[in-house]
Amino acid sequence: MPTHGSMTKAGKVRSQTPKIEKKPKRNLPPRIRNRREYWIRKRKEAGLPVPTVVPPSSVPRGSK
């Protein structure tokens, strides 16, 4: 029964493929985005000022 390919050719195509840099992510992951939107919504309900840029460290975390 023939094999699927010789070991001398293993990885040939991958090594010939040019390396392409990955694009930077444009959006936040949904979990972080939802947490930030919740924080903004709660501040608006409480009548507190909402900064234009909300740093992720300012979002309060739930106690365990």
C-alpha atoms as a PDB file:
ATOM      1  CA  MET A   1       0.000   0.000   0.000  1.00  0.00           C
ATOM      2  CA  PRO A   2       1.512   3.397  -0.960  1.00  0.00           C
ATOM      3  CA  THR A   3       2.204   6.019   1.703  1.00  0.00           C
ATOM      4  CA  HIS A   4       0.877   9.577   1.673  1.00  0.00           C
ATOM      5  CA  GLY A   5       4.267  11.091   0.941  1.00  0.00           C
ATOM      6  CA  SER A   6       7.922  10.731   1.719  1.00  0.00           C
ATOM      7  CA  MET A   7       9.442  12.205   4.848  1.00  0.00           C
ATOM      8  CA  THR A   8      12.018  14.041   2.732  1.00  0.00           C
ATOM      9  CA  LYS A   9       9.247  16.305   1.385  1.00  0.00           C
ATOM     10  CA  ALA A  10       7.598  16.967   4.753  1.00  0.00           C
ATOM     11  CA  GLY A  11       6.990  20.700   5.379  1.00  0.00           C
ATOM     12  CA  LYS A  12       8.073  21.697   1.873  1.00  0.00           C
ATOM     13  CA  VAL A  13       5.127  23.985   1.073  1.00  0.00           C
ATOM     14  CA  ARG A  14       5.021  25.650   4.495  1.00  0.00           C
ATOM     15  CA  SER A  15       8.716  26.514   4.370  1.00  0.00           C
ATOM     16  CA  GLN A  16       8.299  28.035   0.881  1.00  0.00           C
ATOM     17  CA  THR A  17       5.306  30.197   1.845  1.00  0.00           C
ATOM     18  CA  PRO A  18       6.274  33.821   2.533  1.00  0.00           C
ATOM     19  CA  LYS A  19       5.671  35.065   6.071  1.00  0.00           C
ATOM     20  CA  ILE A  20       2.872  37.651   6.271  1.00  0.00           C
ATOM     21  CA  GLU A  21       2.506  39.869   9.344  1.00  0.00           C
ATOM     22  CA  LYS A  22      -0.908  39.635  10.943  1.00  0.00           C
ATOM     23  CA  LYS A  23      -3.174  42.681  10.905  1.00  0.00           C
ATOM     24  CA  PRO A  24      -3.765  44.498  14.191  1.00  0.00           C
ATOM     25  CA  LYS A  25      -7.182  43.901  15.728  1.00  0.00           C
ATOM     26  CA  ARG A  26      -9.641  46.720  15.135  1.00  0.00           C
ATOM     27  CA  ASN A  27     -12.232  45.964  17.803  1.00  0.00           C
ATOM     28  CA  LEU A  28     -12.166  44.854  21.400  1.00  0.00           C
ATOM     29  CA  PRO A  29     -13.192  41.294  22.230  1.00  0.00           C
ATOM     30  CA  PRO A  30     -16.952  41.111  22.951  1.00  0.00           C
ATOM     31  CA  ARG A  31     -16.484  40.284  26.660  1.00  0.00           C
ATOM     32  CA  ILE A  32     -14.436  43.429  27.278  1.00  0.00           C
ATOM     33  CA  ARG A  33     -16.627  45.604  25.036  1.00  0.00           C
ATOM     34  CA  ASN A  34     -19.810  44.463  26.824  1.00  0.00           C
ATOM     35  CA  ARG A  35     -18.264  45.102  30.254  1.00  0.00           C
ATOM     36  CA  ARG A  36     -17.251  48.605  29.184  1.00  0.00           C
ATOM     37  CA  GLU A  37     -20.696  49.390  27.724  1.00  0.00           C
ATOM     38  CA  TYR A  38     -22.341  48.147  30.948  1.00  0.00           C
ATOM     39  CA  TRP A  39     -20.057  50.424  32.984  1.00  0.00           C
ATOM     40  CA  ILE A  40     -20.942  53.435  30.803  1.00  0.00           C
ATOM     41  CA  ARG A  41     -24.671  52.650  30.991  1.00  0.00           C
ATOM     42  CA  LYS A  42     -24.592  52.407  34.799  1.00  0.00           C
ATOM     43  CA  ARG A  43     -22.719  55.724  35.117  1.00  0.00           C
ATOM     44  CA  LYS A  44     -25.274  57.436  32.895  1.00  0.00           C
ATOM     45  CA  GLU A  45     -28.130  56.026  35.000  1.00  0.00           C
ATOM     46  CA  ALA A  46     -26.464  57.323  38.160  1.00  0.00           C
ATOM     47  CA  GLY A  47     -25.985  60.756  36.597  1.00  0.00           C
ATOM     48  CA  LEU A  48     -22.203  60.531  36.776  1.00  0.00           C
ATOM     49  CA  PRO A  49     -19.941  61.928  34.051  1.00  0.00           C
ATOM     50  CA  VAL A  50     -18.745  59.442  31.450  1.00  0.00           C
ATOM     51  CA  PRO A  51     -15.196  60.010  30.154  1.00  0.00           C
ATOM     52  CA  THR A  52     -14.750  59.955  26.379  1.00  0.00           C
ATOM     53  CA  VAL A  53     -12.055  57.262  26.663  1.00  0.00           C
ATOM     54  CA  VAL A  54     -12.789  54.629  29.274  1.00  0.00           C
ATOM     55  CA  PRO A  55      -9.635  52.813  30.379  1.00  0.00           C
ATOM     56  CA  PRO A  56     -10.176  49.100  30.980  1.00  0.00           C
ATOM     57  CA  SER A  57      -8.704  49.355  34.480  1.00  0.00           C
ATOM     58  CA  SER A  58     -11.470  51.729  35.546  1.00  0.00           C
ATOM     59  CA  VAL A  59     -14.169  49.123  35.010  1.00  0.00           C
ATOM     60  CA  PRO A  60     -14.949  47.621  38.439  1.00  0.00           C
ATOM     61  CA  ARG A  61     -14.611  43.856  38.751  1.00  0.00           C
ATOM     62  CA  GLY A  62     -17.041  41.686  40.659  1.00  0.00           C
ATOM     63  CA  SER A  63     -15.860  40.309  43.996  1.00  0.00           C
ATOM     64  CA  LYS A  64     -15.295  36.565  44.220  1.00  0.00           C
END
